[in-house]
Amino acid sequence: MEEDPDTYRILRLRAEILELGSAIRQLQREGLDHATAQLLIARKRAQLDHLVKTSSASPLNIPDIRRS
């Protein structure tokens, strides 16, 4: 069974956002600057929003993690 390329990209972006969120929390705990990571996560979220709005994959039952 082949997966829709948009679905794959959505899942990949969501995984990247989760990883960035984890990195930001770790940087915060260590008292380090996390502005760059926050900018990157904002860009990834914008990409995800755009992809979900323009793809046919949006009605799929994939949990929304953007507000985590």
PDB file of N, CA and C in Angstrom:
ATOM      1  N   MET A   1       0.836  -1.172   0.000  1.00  0.00           N
ATOM      2  CA  MET A   1       0.000   0.000   0.000  1.00  0.00           C
ATOM      3  C   MET A   1       0.888   1.245   0.000  1.00  0.00           C
ATOM      4  N   GLU A   2       0.694   2.144  -0.941  1.00  0.00           N
ATOM      5  CA  GLU A   2       1.494   3.360  -1.030  1.00  0.00           C
ATOM      6  C   GLU A   2       0.842   4.472  -0.234  1.00  0.00           C
ATOM      7  N   GLU A   3       1.689   5.232   0.431  1.00  0.00           N
ATOM      8  CA  GLU A   3       1.205   6.357   1.217  1.00  0.00           C
ATOM      9  C   GLU A   3       1.262   7.632   0.385  1.00  0.00           C
ATOM     10  N   ASP A   4       0.275   8.470   0.543  1.00  0.00           N
ATOM     11  CA  ASP A   4       0.212   9.756  -0.135  1.00  0.00           C
ATOM     12  C   ASP A   4       1.433  10.596   0.261  1.00  0.00           C
ATOM     13  N   PRO A   5       2.128  11.207  -0.715  1.00  0.00           N
ATOM     14  CA  PRO A   5       3.313  12.016  -0.390  1.00  0.00           C
ATOM     15  C   PRO A   5       3.008  13.165   0.569  1.00  0.00           C
ATOM     16  N   ASP A   6       1.828  13.770   0.449  1.00  0.00           N
ATOM     17  CA  ASP A   6       1.470  14.845   1.371  1.00  0.00           C
ATOM     18  C   ASP A   6       1.309  14.322   2.791  1.00  0.00           C
ATOM     19  N   THR A   7       0.730  13.149   2.929  1.00  0.00           N
ATOM     20  CA  THR A   7       0.570  12.549   4.252  1.00  0.00           C
ATOM     21  C   THR A   7       1.939  12.294   4.871  1.00  0.00           C
ATOM     22  N   TYR A   8       2.856  11.780   4.076  1.00  0.00           N
ATOM     23  CA  TYR A   8       4.209  11.536   4.563  1.00  0.00           C
ATOM     24  C   TYR A   8       4.853  12.848   5.006  1.00  0.00           C
ATOM     25  N   ARG A   9       4.715  13.900   4.213  1.00  0.00           N
ATOM     26  CA  ARG A   9       5.314  15.198   4.547  1.00  0.00           C
ATOM     27  C   ARG A   9       4.689  15.777   5.813  1.00  0.00           C
ATOM     28  N   ILE A  10       3.393  15.603   5.973  1.00  0.00           N
ATOM     29  CA  ILE A  10       2.719  16.069   7.187  1.00  0.00           C
ATOM     30  C   ILE A  10       3.269  15.339   8.409  1.00  0.00           C
ATOM     31  N   LEU A  11       3.357  14.031   8.309  1.00  0.00           N
ATOM     32  CA  LEU A  11       3.874  13.250   9.435  1.00  0.00           C
ATOM     33  C   LEU A  11       5.324  13.603   9.747  1.00  0.00           C
ATOM     34  N   ARG A  12       6.127  13.810   8.712  1.00  0.00           N
ATOM     35  CA  ARG A  12       7.534  14.168   8.906  1.00  0.00           C
ATOM     36  C   ARG A  12       7.653  15.543   9.566  1.00  0.00           C
ATOM     37  N   LEU A  13       6.857  16.514   9.111  1.00  0.00           N
ATOM     38  CA  LEU A  13       6.886  17.841   9.726  1.00  0.00           C
ATOM     39  C   LEU A  13       6.456  17.784  11.185  1.00  0.00           C
ATOM     40  N   ARG A  14       5.451  17.008  11.484  1.00  0.00           N
ATOM     41  CA  ARG A  14       4.994  16.879  12.873  1.00  0.00           C
ATOM     42  C   ARG A  14       6.082  16.265  13.750  1.00  0.00           C
ATOM     43  N   ALA A  15       6.799  15.291  13.224  1.00  0.00           N
ATOM     44  CA  ALA A  15       7.899  14.689  13.980  1.00  0.00           C
ATOM     45  C   ALA A  15       9.013  15.711  14.211  1.00  0.00           C
ATOM     46  N   GLU A  16       9.321  16.507  13.200  1.00  0.00           N
ATOM     47  CA  GLU A  16      10.353  17.533  13.343  1.00  0.00           C
ATOM     48  C   GLU A  16       9.936  18.578  14.379  1.00  0.00           C
ATOM     49  N   ILE A  17       8.668  18.942  14.387  1.00  0.00           N
ATOM     50  CA  ILE A  17       8.169  19.919  15.357  1.00  0.00           C
ATOM     51  C   ILE A  17       8.287  19.364  16.773  1.00  0.00           C
ATOM     52  N   LEU A  18       7.954  18.101  16.953  1.00  0.00           N
ATOM     53  CA  LEU A  18       8.093  17.480  18.273  1.00  0.00           C
ATOM     54  C   LEU A  18       9.552  17.475  18.724  1.00  0.00           C
ATOM     55  N   GLU A  19      10.464  17.152  17.816  1.00  0.00           N
ATOM     56  CA  GLU A  19      11.889  17.147  18.153  1.00  0.00           C
ATOM     57  C   GLU A  19      12.371  18.545  18.520  1.00  0.00           C
ATOM     58  N   LEU A  20      11.934  19.547  17.757  1.00  0.00           N
ATOM     59  CA  LEU A  20      12.328  20.927  18.053  1.00  0.00           C
ATOM     60  C   LEU A  20      11.775  21.373  19.406  1.00  0.00           C
ATOM     61  N   GLY A  21      10.553  20.994  19.696  1.00  0.00           N
ATOM     62  CA  GLY A  21       9.973  21.332  21.001  1.00  0.00           C
ATOM     63  C   GLY A  21      10.776  20.736  22.136  1.00  0.00           C
ATOM     64  N   SER A  22      11.209  19.513  21.957  1.00  0.00           N
ATOM     65  CA  SER A  22      12.045  18.858  22.960  1.00  0.00           C
ATOM     66  C   SER A  22      13.387  19.581  23.110  1.00  0.00           C
ATOM     67  N   ALA A  23      13.978  19.965  21.984  1.00  0.00           N
ATOM     68  CA  ALA A  23      15.253  20.681  22.017  1.00  0.00           C
ATOM     69  C   ALA A  23      15.097  22.028  22.723  1.00  0.00           C
ATOM     70  N   ILE A  24      14.001  22.728  22.455  1.00  0.00           N
ATOM     71  CA  ILE A  24      13.749  24.022  23.098  1.00  0.00           C
ATOM     72  C   ILE A  24      13.636  23.850  24.615  1.00  0.00           C
ATOM     73  N   ARG A  25      12.887  22.843  25.043  1.00  0.00           N
ATOM     74  CA  ARG A  25      12.742  22.605  26.487  1.00  0.00           C
ATOM     75  C   ARG A  25      14.084  22.297  27.136  1.00  0.00           C
ATOM     76  N   GLN A  26      14.911  21.520  26.446  1.00  0.00           N
ATOM     77  CA  GLN A  26      16.230  21.189  26.987  1.00  0.00           C
ATOM     78  C   GLN A  26      17.106  22.443  27.076  1.00  0.00           C
ATOM     79  N   LEU A  27      17.081  23.271  26.040  1.00  0.00           N
ATOM     80  CA  LEU A  27      17.852  24.512  26.064  1.00  0.00           C
ATOM     81  C   LEU A  27      17.374  25.429  27.190  1.00  0.00           C
ATOM     82  N   GLN A  28      16.069  25.493  27.394  1.00  0.00           N
ATOM     83  CA  GLN A  28      15.519  26.321  28.468  1.00  0.00           C
ATOM     84  C   GLN A  28      15.987  25.821  29.832  1.00  0.00           C
ATOM     85  N   ARG A  29      15.948  24.492  30.027  1.00  0.00           N
ATOM     86  CA  ARG A  29      16.394  23.918  31.300  1.00  0.00           C
ATOM     87  C   ARG A  29      17.853  24.245  31.580  1.00  0.00           C
ATOM     88  N   GLU A  30      18.668  24.279  30.530  1.00  0.00           N
ATOM     89  CA  GLU A  30      20.089  24.539  30.690  1.00  0.00           C
ATOM     90  C   GLU A  30      20.409  26.034  30.683  1.00  0.00           C
ATOM     91  N   GLY A  31      19.382  26.869  30.538  1.00  0.00           N
ATOM     92  CA  GLY A  31      19.573  28.309  30.564  1.00  0.00           C
ATOM     93  C   GLY A  31      20.243  28.862  29.319  1.00  0.00           C
ATOM     94  N   LEU A  32      20.143  28.148  28.220  1.00  0.00           N
ATOM     95  CA  LEU A  32      20.777  28.577  26.976  1.00  0.00           C
ATOM     96  C   LEU A  32      19.772  29.272  26.058  1.00  0.00           C
ATOM     97  N   ASP A  33      20.299  30.013  25.090  1.00  0.00           N
ATOM     98  CA  ASP A  33      19.457  30.732  24.126  1.00  0.00           C
ATOM     99  C   ASP A  33      18.747  29.737  23.214  1.00  0.00           C
ATOM    100  N   HIS A  34      17.457  29.911  23.074  1.00  0.00           N
ATOM    101  CA  HIS A  34      16.659  29.003  22.253  1.00  0.00           C
ATOM    102  C   HIS A  34      15.871  29.758  21.184  1.00  0.00           C
ATOM    103  N   ALA A  35      16.250  31.004  20.910  1.00  0.00           N
ATOM    104  CA  ALA A  35      15.524  31.819  19.933  1.00  0.00           C
ATOM    105  C   ALA A  35      15.570  31.215  18.535  1.00  0.00           C
ATOM    106  N   THR A  36      16.731  30.703  18.139  1.00  0.00           N
ATOM    107  CA  THR A  36      16.857  30.108  16.802  1.00  0.00           C
ATOM    108  C   THR A  36      15.940  28.902  16.665  1.00  0.00           C
ATOM    109  N   ALA A  37      15.911  28.060  17.677  1.00  0.00           N
ATOM    110  CA  ALA A  37      15.043  26.875  17.637  1.00  0.00           C
ATOM    111  C   ALA A  37      13.580  27.290  17.608  1.00  0.00           C
ATOM    112  N   GLN A  38      13.236  28.353  18.322  1.00  0.00           N
ATOM    113  CA  GLN A  38      11.838  28.808  18.312  1.00  0.00           C
ATOM    114  C   GLN A  38      11.454  29.361  16.949  1.00  0.00           C
ATOM    115  N   LEU A  39      12.367  30.061  16.298  1.00  0.00           N
ATOM    116  CA  LEU A  39      12.097  30.559  14.948  1.00  0.00           C
ATOM    117  C   LEU A  39      11.890  29.391  13.980  1.00  0.00           C
ATOM    118  N   LEU A  40      12.740  28.388  14.087  1.00  0.00           N
ATOM    119  CA  LEU A  40      12.632  27.218  13.216  1.00  0.00           C
ATOM    120  C   LEU A  40      11.317  26.480  13.446  1.00  0.00           C
ATOM    121  N   ILE A  41      10.919  26.336  14.697  1.00  0.00           N
ATOM    122  CA  ILE A  41       9.665  25.634  14.980  1.00  0.00           C
ATOM    123  C   ILE A  41       8.478  26.444  14.448  1.00  0.00           C
ATOM    124  N   ALA A  42       8.545  27.765  14.518  1.00  0.00           N
ATOM    125  CA  ALA A  42       7.467  28.597  13.966  1.00  0.00           C
ATOM    126  C   ALA A  42       7.367  28.408  12.458  1.00  0.00           C
ATOM    127  N   ARG A  43       8.508  28.334  11.791  1.00  0.00           N
ATOM    128  CA  ARG A  43       8.507  28.103  10.340  1.00  0.00           C
ATOM    129  C   ARG A  43       7.946  26.730   9.996  1.00  0.00           C
ATOM    130  N   LYS A  44       8.335  25.716  10.765  1.00  0.00           N
ATOM    131  CA  LYS A  44       7.831  24.356  10.520  1.00  0.00           C
ATOM    132  C   LYS A  44       6.325  24.306  10.734  1.00  0.00           C
ATOM    133  N   ARG A  45       5.835  24.996  11.753  1.00  0.00           N
ATOM    134  CA  ARG A  45       4.390  25.016  12.006  1.00  0.00           C
ATOM    135  C   ARG A  45       3.651  25.694  10.863  1.00  0.00           C
ATOM    136  N   ALA A  46       4.243  26.763  10.324  1.00  0.00           N
ATOM    137  CA  ALA A  46       3.627  27.449   9.181  1.00  0.00           C
ATOM    138  C   ALA A  46       3.598  26.531   7.963  1.00  0.00           C
ATOM    139  N   GLN A  47       4.685  25.795   7.739  1.00  0.00           N
ATOM    140  CA  GLN A  47       4.720  24.836   6.629  1.00  0.00           C
ATOM    141  C   GLN A  47       3.639  23.779   6.811  1.00  0.00           C
ATOM    142  N   LEU A  48       3.526  23.283   8.043  1.00  0.00           N
ATOM    143  CA  LEU A  48       2.525  22.258   8.336  1.00  0.00           C
ATOM    144  C   LEU A  48       1.116  22.793   8.108  1.00  0.00           C
ATOM    145  N   ASP A  49       0.833  23.989   8.599  1.00  0.00           N
ATOM    146  CA  ASP A  49      -0.491  24.585   8.386  1.00  0.00           C
ATOM    147  C   ASP A  49      -0.804  24.703   6.899  1.00  0.00           C
ATOM    148  N   HIS A  50       0.162  25.200   6.137  1.00  0.00           N
ATOM    149  CA  HIS A  50      -0.038  25.361   4.694  1.00  0.00           C
ATOM    150  C   HIS A  50      -0.276  24.010   4.027  1.00  0.00           C
ATOM    151  N   LEU A  51       0.524  23.021   4.378  1.00  0.00           N
ATOM    152  CA  LEU A  51       0.398  21.705   3.768  1.00  0.00           C
ATOM    153  C   LEU A  51      -0.943  21.064   4.099  1.00  0.00           C
ATOM    154  N   VAL A  52      -1.367  21.182   5.335  1.00  0.00           N
ATOM    155  CA  VAL A  52      -2.650  20.595   5.741  1.00  0.00           C
ATOM    156  C   VAL A  52      -3.803  21.275   5.009  1.00  0.00           C
ATOM    157  N   LYS A  53      -3.716  22.594   4.848  1.00  0.00           N
ATOM    158  CA  LYS A  53      -4.791  23.331   4.174  1.00  0.00           C
ATOM    159  C   LYS A  53      -4.852  23.031   2.684  1.00  0.00           C
ATOM    160  N   THR A  54      -3.709  22.755   2.068  1.00  0.00           N
ATOM    161  CA  THR A  54      -3.687  22.573   0.617  1.00  0.00           C
ATOM    162  C   THR A  54      -3.689  21.122   0.171  1.00  0.00           C
ATOM    163  N   SER A  55      -3.548  20.197   1.098  1.00  0.00           N
ATOM    164  CA  SER A  55      -3.444  18.793   0.683  1.00  0.00           C
ATOM    165  C   SER A  55      -4.774  18.065   0.791  1.00  0.00           C
ATOM    166  N   SER A  56      -4.806  16.955   0.135  1.00  0.00           N
ATOM    167  CA  SER A  56      -5.985  16.090   0.238  1.00  0.00           C
ATOM    168  C   SER A  56      -5.915  15.248   1.501  1.00  0.00           C
ATOM    169  N   ALA A  57      -4.813  15.322   2.228  1.00  0.00           N
ATOM    170  CA  ALA A  57      -4.628  14.510   3.425  1.00  0.00           C
ATOM    171  C   ALA A  57      -5.289  15.116   4.654  1.00  0.00           C
ATOM    172  N   SER A  58      -5.766  16.327   4.578  1.00  0.00           N
ATOM    173  CA  SER A  58      -6.306  16.992   5.758  1.00  0.00           C
ATOM    174  C   SER A  58      -7.457  16.243   6.447  1.00  0.00           C
ATOM    175  N   PRO A  59      -8.328  15.520   5.721  1.00  0.00           N
ATOM    176  CA  PRO A  59      -9.387  14.819   6.440  1.00  0.00           C
ATOM    177  C   PRO A  59      -8.924  13.542   7.145  1.00  0.00           C
ATOM    178  N   LEU A  60      -7.671  13.157   6.987  1.00  0.00           N
ATOM    179  CA  LEU A  60      -7.199  11.951   7.644  1.00  0.00           C
ATOM    180  C   LEU A  60      -7.231  12.106   9.150  1.00  0.00           C
ATOM    181  N   ASN A  61      -7.315  11.012   9.834  1.00  0.00           N
ATOM    182  CA  ASN A  61      -7.363  11.024  11.286  1.00  0.00           C
ATOM    183  C   ASN A  61      -5.937  10.995  11.843  1.00  0.00           C
ATOM    184  N   ILE A  62      -5.241  12.128  11.720  1.00  0.00           N
ATOM    185  CA  ILE A  62      -3.897  12.270  12.253  1.00  0.00           C
ATOM    186  C   ILE A  62      -3.987  13.311  13.359  1.00  0.00           C
ATOM    187  N   PRO A  63      -3.611  12.945  14.610  1.00  0.00           N
ATOM    188  CA  PRO A  63      -3.773  13.884  15.721  1.00  0.00           C
ATOM    189  C   PRO A  63      -3.039  15.206  15.465  1.00  0.00           C
ATOM    190  N   ASP A  64      -3.655  16.289  15.911  1.00  0.00           N
ATOM    191  CA  ASP A  64      -3.080  17.622  15.749  1.00  0.00           C
ATOM    192  C   ASP A  64      -2.150  17.914  16.920  1.00  0.00           C
ATOM    193  N   ILE A  65      -0.840  18.088  16.641  1.00  0.00           N
ATOM    194  CA  ILE A  65       0.130  18.350  17.701  1.00  0.00           C
ATOM    195  C   ILE A  65       0.616  19.789  17.664  1.00  0.00           C
ATOM    196  N   ARG A  66       0.083  20.591  16.784  1.00  0.00           N
ATOM    197  CA  ARG A  66       0.604  21.948  16.612  1.00  0.00           C
ATOM    198  C   ARG A  66       0.460  22.799  17.851  1.00  0.00           C
ATOM    199  N   ARG A  67      -0.456  22.540  18.701  1.00  0.00           N
ATOM    200  CA  ARG A  67      -0.695  23.384  19.874  1.00  0.00           C
ATOM    201  C   ARG A  67      -0.048  22.791  21.115  1.00  0.00           C
ATOM    202  N   SER A  68       0.748  21.787  20.988  1.00  0.00           N
ATOM    203  CA  SER A  68       1.402  21.158  22.143  1.00  0.00           C
ATOM    204  C   SER A  68       2.512  22.010  22.687  1.00  0.00           C
TER     205      SER A  68
END
